[in-house]
Amino acid sequence: MSEWIKIEDGLPKTTALNLVVAERRQPFIGYLKGGHWWMPTEEGSLLCPFWNEVTHWMPLPTPPQEDEG
């Protein structure tokens, strides 16, 4: 699994989904767009209400592959 990346050390280069953590909050799935963190929802996307508190992020791991056999 990837290591957490501090916001000060770099930001995602794409709008791909990431695992994100903000101050005093549980990790959540989100993406960076337009300088703000967004959270996907069933209705579309929602601006993360604590986007300015994000401290770390990491790319989501690759899902497991099913064995062919």
PDB file of N, CA and C in Angstrom:
ATOM      1  N   MET A   1       0.845  -1.183   0.000  1.00  0.00           N
ATOM      2  CA  MET A   1       0.000   0.000   0.000  1.00  0.00           C
ATOM      3  C   MET A   1       0.886   1.242   0.000  1.00  0.00           C
ATOM      4  N   SER A   2       0.406   2.278  -0.608  1.00  0.00           N
ATOM      5  CA  SER A   2       1.150   3.533  -0.691  1.00  0.00           C
ATOM      6  C   SER A   2       1.262   4.194   0.672  1.00  0.00           C
ATOM      7  N   GLU A   3       2.198   5.093   0.777  1.00  0.00           N
ATOM      8  CA  GLU A   3       2.367   5.879   1.996  1.00  0.00           C
ATOM      9  C   GLU A   3       1.545   7.167   1.889  1.00  0.00           C
ATOM     10  N   TRP A   4       1.150   7.690   3.033  1.00  0.00           N
ATOM     11  CA  TRP A   4       0.441   8.965   3.061  1.00  0.00           C
ATOM     12  C   TRP A   4       1.380  10.065   2.571  1.00  0.00           C
ATOM     13  N   ILE A   5       0.842  10.998   1.801  1.00  0.00           N
ATOM     14  CA  ILE A   5       1.604  12.133   1.267  1.00  0.00           C
ATOM     15  C   ILE A   5       1.075  13.398   1.936  1.00  0.00           C
ATOM     16  N   LYS A   6       1.992  14.161   2.528  1.00  0.00           N
ATOM     17  CA  LYS A   6       1.594  15.433   3.139  1.00  0.00           C
ATOM     18  C   LYS A   6       1.217  16.422   2.036  1.00  0.00           C
ATOM     19  N   ILE A   7       0.194  17.226   2.294  1.00  0.00           N
ATOM     20  CA  ILE A   7      -0.236  18.235   1.334  1.00  0.00           C
ATOM     21  C   ILE A   7       0.933  19.153   0.961  1.00  0.00           C
ATOM     22  N   GLU A   8       1.782  19.471   1.951  1.00  0.00           N
ATOM     23  CA  GLU A   8       2.921  20.353   1.697  1.00  0.00           C
ATOM     24  C   GLU A   8       3.937  19.719   0.743  1.00  0.00           C
ATOM     25  N   ASP A   9       3.939  18.381   0.655  1.00  0.00           N
ATOM     26  CA  ASP A   9       4.907  17.669  -0.192  1.00  0.00           C
ATOM     27  C   ASP A   9       4.404  17.457  -1.606  1.00  0.00           C
ATOM     28  N   GLY A  10       3.142  17.717  -1.874  1.00  0.00           N
ATOM     29  CA  GLY A  10       2.614  17.566  -3.225  1.00  0.00           C
ATOM     30  C   GLY A  10       1.138  17.240  -3.223  1.00  0.00           C
ATOM     31  N   LEU A  11       0.516  17.521  -4.346  1.00  0.00           N
ATOM     32  CA  LEU A  11      -0.915  17.267  -4.536  1.00  0.00           C
ATOM     33  C   LEU A  11      -1.103  16.323  -5.717  1.00  0.00           C
ATOM     34  N   PRO A  12      -2.230  15.639  -5.789  1.00  0.00           N
ATOM     35  CA  PRO A  12      -2.480  14.754  -6.929  1.00  0.00           C
ATOM     36  C   PRO A  12      -2.405  15.518  -8.252  1.00  0.00           C
ATOM     37  N   LYS A  13      -1.883  14.859  -9.259  1.00  0.00           N
ATOM     38  CA  LYS A  13      -1.742  15.485 -10.581  1.00  0.00           C
ATOM     39  C   LYS A  13      -3.005  15.343 -11.429  1.00  0.00           C
ATOM     40  N   THR A  14      -3.910  14.435 -11.021  1.00  0.00           N
ATOM     41  CA  THR A  14      -5.146  14.210 -11.779  1.00  0.00           C
ATOM     42  C   THR A  14      -6.342  14.305 -10.827  1.00  0.00           C
ATOM     43  N   THR A  15      -7.528  14.180 -11.385  1.00  0.00           N
ATOM     44  CA  THR A  15      -8.743  14.191 -10.566  1.00  0.00           C
ATOM     45  C   THR A  15      -9.157  12.763 -10.186  1.00  0.00           C
ATOM     46  N   ALA A  16      -8.204  11.827 -10.207  1.00  0.00           N
ATOM     47  CA  ALA A  16      -8.498  10.453  -9.797  1.00  0.00           C
ATOM     48  C   ALA A  16      -8.892  10.424  -8.321  1.00  0.00           C
ATOM     49  N   LEU A  17      -9.651   9.407  -7.945  1.00  0.00           N
ATOM     50  CA  LEU A  17     -10.049   9.259  -6.550  1.00  0.00           C
ATOM     51  C   LEU A  17      -8.848   8.895  -5.685  1.00  0.00           C
ATOM     52  N   ASN A  18      -8.826   9.429  -4.477  1.00  0.00           N
ATOM     53  CA  ASN A  18      -7.753   9.205  -3.520  1.00  0.00           C
ATOM     54  C   ASN A  18      -8.346   8.941  -2.153  1.00  0.00           C
ATOM     55  N   LEU A  19      -7.540   8.379  -1.280  1.00  0.00           N
ATOM     56  CA  LEU A  19      -7.887   8.280   0.129  1.00  0.00           C
ATOM     57  C   LEU A  19      -7.342   9.549   0.766  1.00  0.00           C
ATOM     58  N   VAL A  20      -8.186  10.266   1.494  1.00  0.00           N
ATOM     59  CA  VAL A  20      -7.852  11.594   1.997  1.00  0.00           C
ATOM     60  C   VAL A  20      -8.140  11.644   3.495  1.00  0.00           C
ATOM     61  N   VAL A  21      -7.320  12.396   4.236  1.00  0.00           N
ATOM     62  CA  VAL A  21      -7.575  12.570   5.662  1.00  0.00           C
ATOM     63  C   VAL A  21      -7.464  14.057   6.003  1.00  0.00           C
ATOM     64  N   ALA A  22      -8.395  14.518   6.825  1.00  0.00           N
ATOM     65  CA  ALA A  22      -8.399  15.904   7.287  1.00  0.00           C
ATOM     66  C   ALA A  22      -8.191  15.898   8.798  1.00  0.00           C
ATOM     67  N   GLU A  23      -7.857  17.050   9.341  1.00  0.00           N
ATOM     68  CA  GLU A  23      -7.620  17.171  10.781  1.00  0.00           C
ATOM     69  C   GLU A  23      -8.797  16.612  11.580  1.00  0.00           C
ATOM     70  N   ARG A  24      -8.499  15.720  12.521  1.00  0.00           N
ATOM     71  CA  ARG A  24      -9.473  15.158  13.455  1.00  0.00           C
ATOM     72  C   ARG A  24     -10.674  14.482  12.773  1.00  0.00           C
ATOM     73  N   ARG A  25     -10.460  13.901  11.601  1.00  0.00           N
ATOM     74  CA  ARG A  25     -11.551  13.250  10.873  1.00  0.00           C
ATOM     75  C   ARG A  25     -11.088  11.885  10.369  1.00  0.00           C
ATOM     76  N   GLN A  26     -12.054  11.023  10.104  1.00  0.00           N
ATOM     77  CA  GLN A  26     -11.765   9.716   9.532  1.00  0.00           C
ATOM     78  C   GLN A  26     -11.378   9.880   8.057  1.00  0.00           C
ATOM     79  N   PRO A  27     -10.531   8.993   7.529  1.00  0.00           N
ATOM     80  CA  PRO A  27     -10.212   9.053   6.096  1.00  0.00           C
ATOM     81  C   PRO A  27     -11.477   8.927   5.253  1.00  0.00           C
ATOM     82  N   PHE A  28     -11.444   9.546   4.086  1.00  0.00           N
ATOM     83  CA  PHE A  28     -12.574   9.475   3.168  1.00  0.00           C
ATOM     84  C   PHE A  28     -12.051   9.422   1.738  1.00  0.00           C
ATOM     85  N   ILE A  29     -12.917   9.035   0.823  1.00  0.00           N
ATOM     86  CA  ILE A  29     -12.576   8.993  -0.596  1.00  0.00           C
ATOM     87  C   ILE A  29     -12.900  10.358  -1.180  1.00  0.00           C
ATOM     88  N   GLY A  30     -11.960  10.919  -1.926  1.00  0.00           N
ATOM     89  CA  GLY A  30     -12.187  12.223  -2.527  1.00  0.00           C
ATOM     90  C   GLY A  30     -11.235  12.480  -3.679  1.00  0.00           C
ATOM     91  N   TYR A  31     -11.424  13.601  -4.325  1.00  0.00           N
ATOM     92  CA  TYR A  31     -10.530  13.999  -5.416  1.00  0.00           C
ATOM     93  C   TYR A  31     -10.357  15.513  -5.385  1.00  0.00           C
ATOM     94  N   LEU A  32      -9.224  15.947  -5.922  1.00  0.00           N
ATOM     95  CA  LEU A  32      -8.891  17.365  -5.947  1.00  0.00           C
ATOM     96  C   LEU A  32      -9.253  17.947  -7.307  1.00  0.00           C
ATOM     97  N   LYS A  33     -10.011  19.035  -7.281  1.00  0.00           N
ATOM     98  CA  LYS A  33     -10.390  19.715  -8.527  1.00  0.00           C
ATOM     99  C   LYS A  33     -10.563  21.186  -8.234  1.00  0.00           C
ATOM    100  N   GLY A  34      -9.895  22.025  -8.991  1.00  0.00           N
ATOM    101  CA  GLY A  34     -10.028  23.464  -8.816  1.00  0.00           C
ATOM    102  C   GLY A  34      -9.524  23.960  -7.471  1.00  0.00           C
ATOM    103  N   GLY A  35      -8.555  23.251  -6.892  1.00  0.00           N
ATOM    104  CA  GLY A  35      -7.991  23.667  -5.617  1.00  0.00           C
ATOM    105  C   GLY A  35      -8.819  23.279  -4.401  1.00  0.00           C
ATOM    106  N   HIS A  36      -9.895  22.503  -4.611  1.00  0.00           N
ATOM    107  CA  HIS A  36     -10.756  22.061  -3.515  1.00  0.00           C
ATOM    108  C   HIS A  36     -10.896  20.544  -3.554  1.00  0.00           C
ATOM    109  N   TRP A  37     -11.111  19.945  -2.393  1.00  0.00           N
ATOM    110  CA  TRP A  37     -11.372  18.512  -2.308  1.00  0.00           C
ATOM    111  C   TRP A  37     -12.859  18.266  -2.456  1.00  0.00           C
ATOM    112  N   TRP A  38     -13.205  17.286  -3.283  1.00  0.00           N
ATOM    113  CA  TRP A  38     -14.584  16.926  -3.556  1.00  0.00           C
ATOM    114  C   TRP A  38     -14.814  15.486  -3.135  1.00  0.00           C
ATOM    115  N   MET A  39     -16.053  15.172  -2.793  1.00  0.00           N
ATOM    116  CA  MET A  39     -16.435  13.828  -2.390  1.00  0.00           C
ATOM    117  C   MET A  39     -17.495  13.315  -3.367  1.00  0.00           C
ATOM    118  N   PRO A  40     -17.268  12.127  -3.972  1.00  0.00           N
ATOM    119  CA  PRO A  40     -18.289  11.586  -4.875  1.00  0.00           C
ATOM    120  C   PRO A  40     -19.516  11.140  -4.094  1.00  0.00           C
ATOM    121  N   THR A  41     -20.684  11.356  -4.672  1.00  0.00           N
ATOM    122  CA  THR A  41     -21.939  10.899  -4.076  1.00  0.00           C
ATOM    123  C   THR A  41     -22.757  10.231  -5.171  1.00  0.00           C
ATOM    124  N   GLU A  42     -23.848   9.609  -4.802  1.00  0.00           N
ATOM    125  CA  GLU A  42     -24.718   8.981  -5.798  1.00  0.00           C
ATOM    126  C   GLU A  42     -25.337  10.014  -6.732  1.00  0.00           C
ATOM    127  N   GLU A  43     -25.508  11.241  -6.266  1.00  0.00           N
ATOM    128  CA  GLU A  43     -26.127  12.296  -7.071  1.00  0.00           C
ATOM    129  C   GLU A  43     -25.104  13.084  -7.889  1.00  0.00           C
ATOM    130  N   GLY A  44     -23.831  12.852  -7.700  1.00  0.00           N
ATOM    131  CA  GLY A  44     -22.782  13.610  -8.391  1.00  0.00           C
ATOM    132  C   GLY A  44     -21.612  13.799  -7.455  1.00  0.00           C
ATOM    133  N   SER A  45     -21.186  15.027  -7.268  1.00  0.00           N
ATOM    134  CA  SER A  45     -20.077  15.322  -6.355  1.00  0.00           C
ATOM    135  C   SER A  45     -20.471  16.438  -5.398  1.00  0.00           C
ATOM    136  N   LEU A  46     -19.864  16.418  -4.236  1.00  0.00           N
ATOM    137  CA  LEU A  46     -20.147  17.386  -3.188  1.00  0.00           C
ATOM    138  C   LEU A  46     -18.833  18.002  -2.744  1.00  0.00           C
ATOM    139  N   LEU A  47     -18.791  19.320  -2.669  1.00  0.00           N
ATOM    140  CA  LEU A  47     -17.605  19.983  -2.139  1.00  0.00           C
ATOM    141  C   LEU A  47     -17.413  19.520  -0.708  1.00  0.00           C
ATOM    142  N   CYS A  48     -16.245  19.012  -0.412  1.00  0.00           N
ATOM    143  CA  CYS A  48     -15.947  18.531   0.934  1.00  0.00           C
ATOM    144  C   CYS A  48     -16.067  19.703   1.904  1.00  0.00           C
ATOM    145  N   PRO A  49     -16.914  19.596   2.943  1.00  0.00           N
ATOM    146  CA  PRO A  49     -17.121  20.724   3.843  1.00  0.00           C
ATOM    147  C   PRO A  49     -15.876  21.111   4.643  1.00  0.00           C
ATOM    148  N   PHE A  50     -14.908  20.214   4.719  1.00  0.00           N
ATOM    149  CA  PHE A  50     -13.670  20.533   5.434  1.00  0.00           C
ATOM    150  C   PHE A  50     -12.474  20.420   4.499  1.00  0.00           C
ATOM    151  N   TRP A  51     -12.655  20.853   3.233  1.00  0.00           N
ATOM    152  CA  TRP A  51     -11.601  20.750   2.218  1.00  0.00           C
ATOM    153  C   TRP A  51     -10.333  21.466   2.647  1.00  0.00           C
ATOM    154  N   ASN A  52     -10.453  22.544   3.414  1.00  0.00           N
ATOM    155  CA  ASN A  52      -9.277  23.314   3.821  1.00  0.00           C
ATOM    156  C   ASN A  52      -8.572  22.711   5.030  1.00  0.00           C
ATOM    157  N   GLU A  53      -9.100  21.600   5.586  1.00  0.00           N
ATOM    158  CA  GLU A  53      -8.473  20.926   6.719  1.00  0.00           C
ATOM    159  C   GLU A  53      -7.713  19.669   6.298  1.00  0.00           C
ATOM    160  N   VAL A  54      -7.712  19.349   4.996  1.00  0.00           N
ATOM    161  CA  VAL A  54      -7.030  18.142   4.529  1.00  0.00           C
ATOM    162  C   VAL A  54      -5.535  18.272   4.788  1.00  0.00           C
ATOM    163  N   THR A  55      -4.957  17.204   5.363  1.00  0.00           N
ATOM    164  CA  THR A  55      -3.536  17.220   5.703  1.00  0.00           C
ATOM    165  C   THR A  55      -2.724  16.214   4.895  1.00  0.00           C
ATOM    166  N   HIS A  56      -3.335  15.077   4.502  1.00  0.00           N
ATOM    167  CA  HIS A  56      -2.631  14.014   3.804  1.00  0.00           C
ATOM    168  C   HIS A  56      -3.551  13.354   2.778  1.00  0.00           C
ATOM    169  N   TRP A  57      -2.943  12.687   1.812  1.00  0.00           N
ATOM    170  CA  TRP A  57      -3.688  11.929   0.812  1.00  0.00           C
ATOM    171  C   TRP A  57      -2.809  10.780   0.316  1.00  0.00           C
ATOM    172  N   MET A  58      -3.434   9.794  -0.323  1.00  0.00           N
ATOM    173  CA  MET A  58      -2.708   8.723  -0.983  1.00  0.00           C
ATOM    174  C   MET A  58      -3.590   8.153  -2.088  1.00  0.00           C
ATOM    175  N   PRO A  59      -2.949   7.663  -3.165  1.00  0.00           N
ATOM    176  CA  PRO A  59      -3.746   7.028  -4.217  1.00  0.00           C
ATOM    177  C   PRO A  59      -4.452   5.791  -3.670  1.00  0.00           C
ATOM    178  N   LEU A  60      -5.621   5.506  -4.215  1.00  0.00           N
ATOM    179  CA  LEU A  60      -6.318   4.283  -3.829  1.00  0.00           C
ATOM    180  C   LEU A  60      -5.511   3.078  -4.315  1.00  0.00           C
ATOM    181  N   PRO A  61      -5.509   2.003  -3.555  1.00  0.00           N
ATOM    182  CA  PRO A  61      -4.791   0.807  -4.015  1.00  0.00           C
ATOM    183  C   PRO A  61      -5.498   0.188  -5.216  1.00  0.00           C
ATOM    184  N   THR A  62      -4.774  -0.596  -5.973  1.00  0.00           N
ATOM    185  CA  THR A  62      -5.350  -1.320  -7.097  1.00  0.00           C
ATOM    186  C   THR A  62      -6.231  -2.436  -6.561  1.00  0.00           C
ATOM    187  N   PRO A  63      -7.454  -2.577  -7.068  1.00  0.00           N
ATOM    188  CA  PRO A  63      -8.322  -3.650  -6.572  1.00  0.00           C
ATOM    189  C   PRO A  63      -7.723  -5.021  -6.887  1.00  0.00           C
ATOM    190  N   PRO A  64      -8.052  -6.035  -6.108  1.00  0.00           N
ATOM    191  CA  PRO A  64      -7.524  -7.378  -6.375  1.00  0.00           C
ATOM    192  C   PRO A  64      -8.063  -7.919  -7.694  1.00  0.00           C
ATOM    193  N   GLN A  65      -7.240  -8.708  -8.352  1.00  0.00           N
ATOM    194  CA  GLN A  65      -7.646  -9.359  -9.607  1.00  0.00           C
ATOM    195  C   GLN A  65      -8.225 -10.722  -9.287  1.00  0.00           C
ATOM    196  N   GLU A  66      -9.288 -11.090  -9.965  1.00  0.00           N
ATOM    197  CA  GLU A  66      -9.879 -12.410  -9.758  1.00  0.00           C
ATOM    198  C   GLU A  66      -9.027 -13.431 -10.488  1.00  0.00           C
ATOM    199  N   ASP A  67      -8.840 -14.585  -9.848  1.00  0.00           N
ATOM    200  CA  ASP A  67      -8.096 -15.673 -10.475  1.00  0.00           C
ATOM    201  C   ASP A  67      -8.912 -16.279 -11.605  1.00  0.00           C
ATOM    202  N   GLU A  68      -8.237 -16.504 -12.732  1.00  0.00           N
ATOM    203  CA  GLU A  68      -8.902 -17.179 -13.843  1.00  0.00           C
ATOM    204  C   GLU A  68      -8.586 -18.669 -13.711  1.00  0.00           C
ATOM    205  N   GLY A  69      -9.545 -19.460 -13.473  1.00  0.00           N
ATOM    206  CA  GLY A  69      -9.214 -20.860 -13.325  1.00  0.00           C
ATOM    207  C   GLY A  69     -10.346 -21.646 -12.987  1.00  0.00           C
TER     208      GLY A  69
END
